Amino acid sequence: MDRYFPSFRIDVLDGEPFDLCSCGVDWGIRNPAAAVLVVRLLSGCYYAVNEVYERETDAVTFAGMVRRMLELEGVVGCPVWIDASTFNRVDGLFCVAERFVGVGLNVIPATRDRETSMLMIRDLLGGGKLVISPACRRLIGELRRFGKFSSSDHAIDALRYAIYPLEVHECSGVV
């Protein structure tokens, strides 16, 4: 196989009923910050609905962008699984995670188990159990290039942060 991730399905699934939602955030100041919103469809499949991707931003601005995405999608109470390092990194006088809490987001430290969660994403994509919205342009680009042409994985990390608790623990907000 010439790519780390198998071929995957890109589709619009407007109106599909879902029972759980989860948002993953990979934080970076000089590196891109990425957020990916995922829902678990009643069929048991996952759908990456939308993304936010920004370079050279501060935590308050990016947190506001994430909140607006959740508002747009109608899932403001959705848990936000954020890069665990944000609880130890500061933006001004506050830790980065507190900036997200400050705009009303329900933040929880994301998994640190990169290997297991990456394999899980690969298996879900390969098994057709994870569909990506065309709105997730950065995520699609990273999935296509990862391993062979690029090691950029900010949106991929946000995706695995969002799906891991749904697949492993089912610890997400019921909509």
N, C-alpha and C. Protein backbone atom coordinates (compact mmCIF):
# COMPACT_ATOMS: atom_id res chain seq x y z
N MET A 1 0.86 -1.18 0.00
CA MET A 1 0.00 0.00 0.00
C MET A 1 0.90 1.24 0.00
N ASP A 2 0.60 2.16 -0.90
CA ASP A 2 1.47 3.33 -1.01
C ASP A 2 1.09 4.46 -0.07
N ARG A 3 -0.04 4.35 0.61
CA ARG A 3 -0.45 5.39 1.56
C ARG A 3 -0.76 4.76 2.91
N TYR A 4 -0.59 5.56 3.95
CA TYR A 4 -0.91 5.05 5.28
C TYR A 4 -2.40 4.80 5.42
N PHE A 5 -3.21 5.73 4.90
CA PHE A 5 -4.66 5.59 5.01
C PHE A 5 -5.20 5.01 3.71
N PRO A 6 -6.14 4.08 3.83
CA PRO A 6 -6.73 3.49 2.62
C PRO A 6 -7.63 4.52 1.92
N SER A 7 -8.14 4.14 0.77
CA SER A 7 -9.09 5.03 0.12
C SER A 7 -10.27 5.22 1.08
N PHE A 8 -10.92 6.32 0.96
CA PHE A 8 -12.01 6.62 1.89
C PHE A 8 -13.13 7.31 1.16
N ARG A 9 -14.29 7.30 1.80
CA ARG A 9 -15.49 7.84 1.19
C ARG A 9 -15.68 9.30 1.58
N ILE A 10 -15.89 10.14 0.58
CA ILE A 10 -16.22 11.55 0.78
C ILE A 10 -17.65 11.71 0.28
N ASP A 11 -18.54 12.21 1.14
CA ASP A 11 -19.94 12.30 0.76
C ASP A 11 -20.65 13.33 1.62
N VAL A 12 -21.79 13.80 1.16
CA VAL A 12 -22.65 14.69 1.93
C VAL A 12 -23.76 13.84 2.51
N LEU A 13 -23.90 13.85 3.83
CA LEU A 13 -24.92 13.06 4.51
C LEU A 13 -25.88 13.95 5.27
N ASP A 14 -26.35 15.01 4.64
CA ASP A 14 -27.30 15.92 5.29
C ASP A 14 -28.56 15.18 5.72
N GLY A 15 -28.98 15.44 6.93
CA GLY A 15 -30.23 14.89 7.43
C GLY A 15 -30.15 13.48 7.99
N GLU A 16 -28.99 12.85 7.92
CA GLU A 16 -28.84 11.51 8.50
C GLU A 16 -28.97 11.63 10.02
N PRO A 17 -29.80 10.81 10.65
CA PRO A 17 -29.94 10.89 12.11
C PRO A 17 -28.68 10.39 12.82
N PHE A 18 -28.35 11.05 13.93
CA PHE A 18 -27.19 10.64 14.72
C PHE A 18 -27.55 10.69 16.20
N ASP A 19 -26.78 9.94 16.99
CA ASP A 19 -27.07 9.90 18.42
C ASP A 19 -26.00 10.55 19.28
N LEU A 20 -24.77 10.63 18.80
CA LEU A 20 -23.68 11.23 19.56
C LEU A 20 -22.87 12.16 18.69
N CYS A 21 -22.28 13.17 19.34
CA CYS A 21 -21.37 14.06 18.62
C CYS A 21 -20.12 14.26 19.46
N SER A 22 -19.06 14.64 18.80
CA SER A 22 -17.78 14.84 19.46
C SER A 22 -16.94 15.75 18.58
N CYS A 23 -16.22 16.66 19.20
CA CYS A 23 -15.33 17.56 18.47
C CYS A 23 -13.91 17.36 18.99
N GLY A 24 -12.98 17.19 18.10
CA GLY A 24 -11.57 17.06 18.48
C GLY A 24 -10.81 18.31 18.09
N VAL A 25 -9.87 18.74 18.95
CA VAL A 25 -9.07 19.93 18.68
C VAL A 25 -7.59 19.61 18.86
N ASP A 26 -6.82 19.88 17.81
CA ASP A 26 -5.36 19.81 17.89
C ASP A 26 -4.88 21.26 17.88
N TRP A 27 -4.28 21.68 18.98
CA TRP A 27 -3.91 23.08 19.15
C TRP A 27 -2.49 23.35 18.69
N GLY A 28 -2.31 24.47 18.02
CA GLY A 28 -0.98 24.93 17.66
C GLY A 28 -1.01 26.43 17.45
N ILE A 29 0.02 27.11 17.87
CA ILE A 29 0.08 28.57 17.68
C ILE A 29 0.75 28.84 16.33
N ARG A 30 2.02 28.47 16.21
CA ARG A 30 2.72 28.66 14.94
C ARG A 30 2.40 27.52 13.98
N ASN A 31 2.11 26.36 14.52
CA ASN A 31 1.62 25.25 13.71
C ASN A 31 0.12 25.47 13.55
N PRO A 32 -0.48 24.86 12.58
CA PRO A 32 -1.93 25.03 12.44
C PRO A 32 -2.68 24.45 13.64
N ALA A 33 -3.79 25.08 13.95
CA ALA A 33 -4.74 24.54 14.92
C ALA A 33 -5.88 23.97 14.09
N ALA A 34 -6.38 22.81 14.50
CA ALA A 34 -7.44 22.15 13.73
C ALA A 34 -8.51 21.64 14.68
N ALA A 35 -9.75 21.72 14.24
CA ALA A 35 -10.88 21.14 14.96
C ALA A 35 -11.73 20.39 13.95
N VAL A 36 -12.18 19.19 14.34
CA VAL A 36 -13.03 18.39 13.47
C VAL A 36 -14.24 17.93 14.28
N LEU A 37 -15.42 18.17 13.74
CA LEU A 37 -16.68 17.74 14.37
C LEU A 37 -17.10 16.41 13.75
N VAL A 38 -17.38 15.44 14.62
CA VAL A 38 -17.78 14.10 14.19
C VAL A 38 -19.11 13.74 14.85
N VAL A 39 -19.98 13.07 14.10
CA VAL A 39 -21.20 12.52 14.69
C VAL A 39 -21.20 11.01 14.46
N ARG A 40 -21.85 10.31 15.38
CA ARG A 40 -22.05 8.88 15.17
C ARG A 40 -23.47 8.70 14.66
N LEU A 41 -23.58 8.20 13.45
CA LEU A 41 -24.88 7.98 12.83
C LEU A 41 -25.57 6.80 13.50
N LEU A 42 -26.89 6.77 13.41
CA LEU A 42 -27.65 5.66 14.02
C LEU A 42 -27.26 4.32 13.41
N SER A 43 -26.70 4.33 12.21
CA SER A 43 -26.23 3.11 11.56
C SER A 43 -24.96 2.56 12.22
N GLY A 44 -24.33 3.37 13.10
CA GLY A 44 -23.08 2.97 13.74
C GLY A 44 -21.85 3.50 13.04
N CYS A 45 -22.02 4.11 11.88
CA CYS A 45 -20.90 4.72 11.17
C CYS A 45 -20.64 6.12 11.72
N TYR A 46 -19.49 6.65 11.41
CA TYR A 46 -19.11 8.00 11.83
C TYR A 46 -19.07 8.91 10.62
N TYR A 47 -19.36 10.19 10.88
CA TYR A 47 -19.35 11.18 9.81
C TYR A 47 -18.61 12.41 10.30
N ALA A 48 -17.51 12.74 9.62
CA ALA A 48 -16.78 13.98 9.90
C ALA A 48 -17.54 15.09 9.18
N VAL A 49 -18.25 15.90 9.96
CA VAL A 49 -19.22 16.87 9.44
C VAL A 49 -18.57 18.15 8.94
N ASN A 50 -17.65 18.70 9.74
CA ASN A 50 -17.10 20.01 9.43
C ASN A 50 -15.76 20.16 10.14
N GLU A 51 -15.01 21.18 9.76
CA GLU A 51 -13.70 21.43 10.36
C GLU A 51 -13.44 22.92 10.47
N VAL A 52 -12.53 23.25 11.35
CA VAL A 52 -11.97 24.60 11.44
C VAL A 52 -10.46 24.39 11.42
N TYR A 53 -9.76 25.17 10.62
CA TYR A 53 -8.31 25.02 10.46
C TYR A 53 -7.73 26.41 10.32
N GLU A 54 -6.77 26.75 11.16
CA GLU A 54 -6.24 28.11 11.15
C GLU A 54 -4.76 28.10 11.53
N ARG A 55 -4.01 28.93 10.87
CA ARG A 55 -2.58 29.11 11.19
C ARG A 55 -2.39 30.41 11.97
N GLU A 56 -1.36 30.42 12.82
CA GLU A 56 -0.94 31.64 13.52
C GLU A 56 -2.10 32.37 14.18
N THR A 57 -2.78 31.69 15.07
CA THR A 57 -3.91 32.30 15.77
C THR A 57 -3.70 32.16 17.27
N ASP A 58 -4.46 32.91 18.03
CA ASP A 58 -4.40 32.77 19.49
C ASP A 58 -5.55 31.88 19.94
N ALA A 59 -5.47 31.41 21.17
CA ALA A 59 -6.43 30.45 21.69
C ALA A 59 -7.85 31.02 21.76
N VAL A 60 -8.00 32.28 22.15
CA VAL A 60 -9.33 32.87 22.26
C VAL A 60 -10.01 32.94 20.89
N THR A 61 -9.28 33.39 19.89
CA THR A 61 -9.84 33.48 18.54
C THR A 61 -10.23 32.11 18.02
N PHE A 62 -9.33 31.14 18.17
CA PHE A 62 -9.62 29.80 17.65
C PHE A 62 -10.78 29.15 18.41
N ALA A 63 -10.81 29.34 19.73
CA ALA A 63 -11.92 28.79 20.52
C ALA A 63 -13.25 29.37 20.04
N GLY A 64 -13.26 30.66 19.72
CA GLY A 64 -14.47 31.28 19.18
C GLY A 64 -14.87 30.69 17.84
N MET A 65 -13.89 30.38 17.01
CA MET A 65 -14.16 29.76 15.71
C MET A 65 -14.77 28.36 15.89
N VAL A 66 -14.24 27.62 16.86
CA VAL A 66 -14.78 26.28 17.14
C VAL A 66 -16.22 26.40 17.63
N ARG A 67 -16.45 27.33 18.55
CA ARG A 67 -17.82 27.52 19.05
C ARG A 67 -18.78 27.86 17.92
N ARG A 68 -18.37 28.76 17.02
CA ARG A 68 -19.24 29.13 15.90
C ARG A 68 -19.53 27.93 14.99
N MET A 69 -18.54 27.06 14.79
CA MET A 69 -18.78 25.86 13.99
C MET A 69 -19.83 24.98 14.67
N LEU A 70 -19.71 24.79 15.98
CA LEU A 70 -20.67 23.96 16.71
C LEU A 70 -22.06 24.59 16.68
N GLU A 71 -22.12 25.91 16.80
CA GLU A 71 -23.42 26.61 16.70
C GLU A 71 -24.02 26.40 15.32
N LEU A 72 -23.23 26.57 14.29
CA LEU A 72 -23.69 26.40 12.91
C LEU A 72 -24.27 25.00 12.70
N GLU A 73 -23.63 24.00 13.30
CA GLU A 73 -24.08 22.61 13.13
C GLU A 73 -25.15 22.21 14.14
N GLY A 74 -25.50 23.11 15.08
CA GLY A 74 -26.56 22.85 16.04
C GLY A 74 -26.19 21.91 17.17
N VAL A 75 -24.89 21.88 17.54
CA VAL A 75 -24.44 20.96 18.60
C VAL A 75 -23.53 21.68 19.61
N VAL A 76 -23.99 22.83 20.10
CA VAL A 76 -23.16 23.65 20.99
C VAL A 76 -22.71 22.90 22.24
N GLY A 77 -23.53 22.00 22.78
CA GLY A 77 -23.15 21.27 23.99
C GLY A 77 -22.23 20.09 23.75
N CYS A 78 -21.81 19.91 22.53
CA CYS A 78 -20.95 18.79 22.15
C CYS A 78 -19.63 18.83 22.93
N PRO A 79 -19.18 17.68 23.47
CA PRO A 79 -17.88 17.65 24.15
C PRO A 79 -16.75 17.98 23.17
N VAL A 80 -15.76 18.70 23.65
CA VAL A 80 -14.59 19.07 22.85
C VAL A 80 -13.38 18.38 23.46
N TRP A 81 -12.92 17.37 22.77
CA TRP A 81 -11.75 16.59 23.20
C TRP A 81 -10.52 17.30 22.65
N ILE A 82 -9.80 17.97 23.55
CA ILE A 82 -8.70 18.84 23.14
C ILE A 82 -7.36 18.22 23.50
N ASP A 83 -6.40 18.49 22.65
CA ASP A 83 -5.02 18.04 22.85
C ASP A 83 -4.66 18.20 24.34
N ALA A 84 -4.29 17.11 24.99
CA ALA A 84 -4.03 17.13 26.44
C ALA A 84 -2.95 18.13 26.83
N SER A 85 -2.04 18.45 25.92
CA SER A 85 -0.98 19.41 26.25
C SER A 85 -1.52 20.81 26.49
N THR A 86 -2.73 21.11 26.03
CA THR A 86 -3.28 22.45 26.21
C THR A 86 -3.57 22.76 27.67
N PHE A 87 -3.66 21.76 28.50
CA PHE A 87 -3.90 21.98 29.92
C PHE A 87 -2.62 22.43 30.63
N ASN A 88 -1.47 22.28 29.95
CA ASN A 88 -0.17 22.68 30.51
C ASN A 88 0.47 23.84 29.75
N ARG A 89 -0.17 24.32 28.69
CA ARG A 89 0.38 25.41 27.88
C ARG A 89 -0.40 26.69 28.15
N VAL A 90 0.31 27.81 28.15
CA VAL A 90 -0.36 29.07 28.47
C VAL A 90 -0.51 29.94 27.23
N ASP A 91 -1.57 30.73 27.26
CA ASP A 91 -1.85 31.76 26.27
C ASP A 91 -2.14 33.00 27.09
N GLY A 92 -1.15 33.85 27.21
CA GLY A 92 -1.27 34.97 28.16
C GLY A 92 -1.09 34.41 29.56
N LEU A 93 -2.01 34.73 30.46
CA LEU A 93 -1.93 34.25 31.84
C LEU A 93 -2.73 32.98 32.08
N PHE A 94 -3.44 32.51 31.08
CA PHE A 94 -4.33 31.37 31.24
C PHE A 94 -3.85 30.18 30.43
N CYS A 95 -4.16 28.97 30.92
CA CYS A 95 -3.84 27.81 30.11
C CYS A 95 -4.75 27.81 28.89
N VAL A 96 -4.26 27.23 27.81
CA VAL A 96 -5.00 27.22 26.54
C VAL A 96 -6.38 26.61 26.72
N ALA A 97 -6.47 25.51 27.45
CA ALA A 97 -7.77 24.85 27.66
C ALA A 97 -8.77 25.80 28.32
N GLU A 98 -8.31 26.64 29.25
CA GLU A 98 -9.20 27.60 29.91
C GLU A 98 -9.77 28.61 28.92
N ARG A 99 -9.02 28.93 27.87
CA ARG A 99 -9.52 29.84 26.84
C ARG A 99 -10.74 29.23 26.14
N PHE A 100 -10.71 27.93 25.93
CA PHE A 100 -11.84 27.24 25.29
C PHE A 100 -13.03 27.17 26.24
N VAL A 101 -12.75 26.93 27.51
CA VAL A 101 -13.82 26.94 28.52
C VAL A 101 -14.45 28.32 28.59
N GLY A 102 -13.63 29.35 28.46
CA GLY A 102 -14.09 30.73 28.55
C GLY A 102 -15.11 31.12 27.50
N VAL A 103 -15.15 30.42 26.37
CA VAL A 103 -16.17 30.72 25.35
C VAL A 103 -17.33 29.74 25.44
N GLY A 104 -17.37 28.97 26.54
CA GLY A 104 -18.51 28.10 26.78
C GLY A 104 -18.40 26.70 26.22
N LEU A 105 -17.17 26.25 25.92
CA LEU A 105 -17.00 24.89 25.40
C LEU A 105 -16.71 23.90 26.52
N ASN A 106 -17.23 22.70 26.36
CA ASN A 106 -17.05 21.61 27.32
C ASN A 106 -15.79 20.84 26.96
N VAL A 107 -14.64 21.26 27.47
CA VAL A 107 -13.36 20.66 27.08
C VAL A 107 -12.96 19.51 27.99
N ILE A 108 -12.39 18.49 27.37
CA ILE A 108 -11.93 17.28 28.05
C ILE A 108 -10.59 16.92 27.42
N PRO A 109 -9.60 16.49 28.22
CA PRO A 109 -8.32 16.09 27.62
C PRO A 109 -8.49 14.88 26.69
N ALA A 110 -7.91 14.99 25.51
CA ALA A 110 -7.99 13.91 24.51
C ALA A 110 -6.98 12.81 24.82
N THR A 111 -7.16 11.69 24.14
CA THR A 111 -6.25 10.57 24.33
C THR A 111 -4.81 10.93 23.99
N ARG A 112 -3.90 10.33 24.71
CA ARG A 112 -2.48 10.47 24.39
C ARG A 112 -1.98 9.22 23.64
N ASP A 113 -2.88 8.27 23.43
CA ASP A 113 -2.52 7.01 22.77
C ASP A 113 -2.58 7.19 21.26
N ARG A 114 -1.53 7.74 20.70
CA ARG A 114 -1.48 8.05 19.27
C ARG A 114 -1.55 6.78 18.42
N GLU A 115 -0.78 5.77 18.77
CA GLU A 115 -0.71 4.57 17.95
C GLU A 115 -2.07 3.88 17.82
N THR A 116 -2.73 3.64 18.96
CA THR A 116 -4.03 2.96 18.93
C THR A 116 -5.07 3.79 18.19
N SER A 117 -5.11 5.10 18.45
CA SER A 117 -6.13 5.93 17.81
C SER A 117 -5.88 6.11 16.32
N MET A 118 -4.63 6.15 15.88
CA MET A 118 -4.33 6.22 14.44
C MET A 118 -4.74 4.93 13.74
N LEU A 119 -4.46 3.79 14.35
CA LEU A 119 -4.87 2.51 13.77
C LEU A 119 -6.39 2.41 13.71
N MET A 120 -7.06 2.93 14.72
CA MET A 120 -8.52 2.92 14.75
C MET A 120 -9.08 3.72 13.57
N ILE A 121 -8.52 4.92 13.32
CA ILE A 121 -8.95 5.75 12.20
C ILE A 121 -8.72 5.01 10.88
N ARG A 122 -7.56 4.40 10.74
CA ARG A 122 -7.23 3.66 9.52
C ARG A 122 -8.22 2.51 9.30
N ASP A 123 -8.54 1.78 10.36
CA ASP A 123 -9.48 0.66 10.25
C ASP A 123 -10.89 1.14 9.91
N LEU A 124 -11.33 2.23 10.54
CA LEU A 124 -12.67 2.77 10.25
C LEU A 124 -12.77 3.24 8.80
N LEU A 125 -11.74 3.93 8.33
CA LEU A 125 -11.74 4.39 6.93
C LEU A 125 -11.74 3.20 5.98
N GLY A 126 -10.86 2.24 6.24
CA GLY A 126 -10.73 1.07 5.38
C GLY A 126 -11.98 0.21 5.36
N GLY A 127 -12.70 0.19 6.50
CA GLY A 127 -13.91 -0.61 6.59
C GLY A 127 -15.17 0.12 6.15
N GLY A 128 -15.00 1.36 5.69
CA GLY A 128 -16.16 2.13 5.24
C GLY A 128 -17.05 2.62 6.37
N LYS A 129 -16.53 2.62 7.61
CA LYS A 129 -17.33 3.04 8.77
C LYS A 129 -17.10 4.51 9.14
N LEU A 130 -16.31 5.21 8.33
CA LEU A 130 -16.05 6.63 8.56
C LEU A 130 -16.16 7.34 7.22
N VAL A 131 -17.10 8.27 7.14
CA VAL A 131 -17.34 9.06 5.93
C VAL A 131 -16.90 10.50 6.21
N ILE A 132 -16.27 11.11 5.24
CA ILE A 132 -15.77 12.47 5.40
C ILE A 132 -16.60 13.42 4.54
N SER A 133 -17.06 14.51 5.13
CA SER A 133 -17.79 15.54 4.39
C SER A 133 -16.83 16.29 3.48
N PRO A 134 -17.29 16.71 2.30
CA PRO A 134 -16.44 17.54 1.45
C PRO A 134 -16.07 18.87 2.10
N ALA A 135 -16.80 19.27 3.14
CA ALA A 135 -16.48 20.50 3.87
C ALA A 135 -15.16 20.38 4.62
N CYS A 136 -14.69 19.18 4.85
CA CYS A 136 -13.44 18.93 5.60
C CYS A 136 -12.26 18.87 4.63
N ARG A 137 -12.03 19.96 3.93
CA ARG A 137 -11.00 20.00 2.88
C ARG A 137 -9.59 19.74 3.40
N ARG A 138 -9.25 20.33 4.53
CA ARG A 138 -7.90 20.13 5.08
C ARG A 138 -7.71 18.69 5.53
N LEU A 139 -8.72 18.13 6.18
CA LEU A 139 -8.66 16.74 6.62
C LEU A 139 -8.48 15.81 5.42
N ILE A 140 -9.25 16.03 4.37
CA ILE A 140 -9.15 15.20 3.16
C ILE A 140 -7.73 15.29 2.58
N GLY A 141 -7.20 16.50 2.51
CA GLY A 141 -5.84 16.68 1.99
C GLY A 141 -4.80 15.97 2.83
N GLU A 142 -4.91 16.06 4.15
CA GLU A 142 -3.96 15.38 5.02
C GLU A 142 -4.06 13.87 4.87
N LEU A 143 -5.27 13.34 4.81
CA LEU A 143 -5.45 11.89 4.66
C LEU A 143 -4.84 11.40 3.35
N ARG A 144 -4.98 12.18 2.30
CA ARG A 144 -4.44 11.78 1.00
C ARG A 144 -2.92 11.82 0.95
N ARG A 145 -2.31 12.77 1.67
CA ARG A 145 -0.86 12.96 1.59
C ARG A 145 -0.08 12.30 2.73
N PHE A 146 -0.73 11.94 3.81
CA PHE A 146 -0.02 11.50 5.01
C PHE A 146 0.88 10.29 4.72
N GLY A 147 2.11 10.37 5.21
CA GLY A 147 3.04 9.27 5.09
C GLY A 147 3.87 9.30 3.83
N LYS A 148 3.25 9.51 2.68
CA LYS A 148 3.98 9.48 1.42
C LYS A 148 4.55 10.85 1.07
N PHE A 149 3.70 11.87 1.10
CA PHE A 149 4.12 13.19 0.67
C PHE A 149 4.27 14.18 1.82
N SER A 150 3.69 13.86 2.97
CA SER A 150 3.64 14.85 4.05
C SER A 150 3.46 14.16 5.39
N SER A 151 3.95 14.80 6.42
CA SER A 151 3.71 14.30 7.77
C SER A 151 2.72 15.22 8.51
N SER A 152 2.12 16.16 7.78
CA SER A 152 1.14 17.06 8.39
C SER A 152 -0.06 16.25 8.87
N ASP A 153 -0.40 16.42 10.13
CA ASP A 153 -1.46 15.59 10.70
C ASP A 153 -2.35 16.33 11.69
N HIS A 154 -2.44 17.63 11.59
CA HIS A 154 -3.21 18.40 12.57
C HIS A 154 -4.70 18.08 12.51
N ALA A 155 -5.27 18.05 11.31
CA ALA A 155 -6.68 17.69 11.18
C ALA A 155 -6.90 16.21 11.48
N ILE A 156 -5.93 15.37 11.11
CA ILE A 156 -6.02 13.93 11.44
C ILE A 156 -6.02 13.75 12.95
N ASP A 157 -5.15 14.48 13.65
CA ASP A 157 -5.13 14.40 15.12
C ASP A 157 -6.46 14.85 15.70
N ALA A 158 -7.02 15.93 15.17
CA ALA A 158 -8.33 16.39 15.66
C ALA A 158 -9.39 15.32 15.42
N LEU A 159 -9.34 14.65 14.27
CA LEU A 159 -10.28 13.58 13.96
C LEU A 159 -10.15 12.43 14.95
N ARG A 160 -8.92 12.01 15.20
CA ARG A 160 -8.75 10.87 16.13
C ARG A 160 -9.14 11.26 17.56
N TYR A 161 -8.91 12.51 17.96
CA TYR A 161 -9.34 12.96 19.28
C TYR A 161 -10.87 12.89 19.39
N ALA A 162 -11.57 13.22 18.31
CA ALA A 162 -13.04 13.23 18.33
C ALA A 162 -13.62 11.82 18.33
N ILE A 163 -13.05 10.93 17.52
CA ILE A 163 -13.64 9.60 17.36
C ILE A 163 -13.25 8.64 18.48
N TYR A 164 -12.05 8.75 18.99
CA TYR A 164 -11.56 7.78 19.98
C TYR A 164 -12.54 7.58 21.14
N PRO A 165 -13.03 8.64 21.79
CA PRO A 165 -13.95 8.40 22.91
C PRO A 165 -15.28 7.80 22.48
N LEU A 166 -15.72 8.08 21.26
CA LEU A 166 -16.96 7.50 20.76
C LEU A 166 -16.80 6.01 20.51
N GLU A 167 -15.71 5.64 19.92
CA GLU A 167 -15.48 4.24 19.53
C GLU A 167 -15.06 3.38 20.72
N VAL A 168 -14.24 3.93 21.60
CA VAL A 168 -13.69 3.14 22.70
C VAL A 168 -14.55 3.20 23.95
N HIS A 169 -15.01 4.39 24.30
CA HIS A 169 -15.71 4.56 25.57
C HIS A 169 -17.16 5.02 25.44
N GLU A 170 -17.53 5.47 24.24
CA GLU A 170 -18.84 6.08 24.03
C GLU A 170 -19.10 7.21 25.05
N CYS A 171 -18.06 7.98 25.32
CA CYS A 171 -18.15 9.09 26.27
C CYS A 171 -18.35 10.39 25.49
N SER A 172 -19.54 10.64 25.07
CA SER A 172 -19.81 11.88 24.35
C SER A 172 -21.20 12.37 24.69
N GLY A 173 -21.48 13.54 24.24
CA GLY A 173 -22.79 14.13 24.52
C GLY A 173 -23.88 13.51 23.71
N VAL A 174 -24.97 13.20 24.32
CA VAL A 174 -26.14 12.72 23.60
C VAL A 174 -26.88 13.93 23.09
N VAL A 175 -27.21 13.91 21.83
CA VAL A 175 -27.88 15.05 21.21
C VAL A 175 -29.37 14.89 21.32
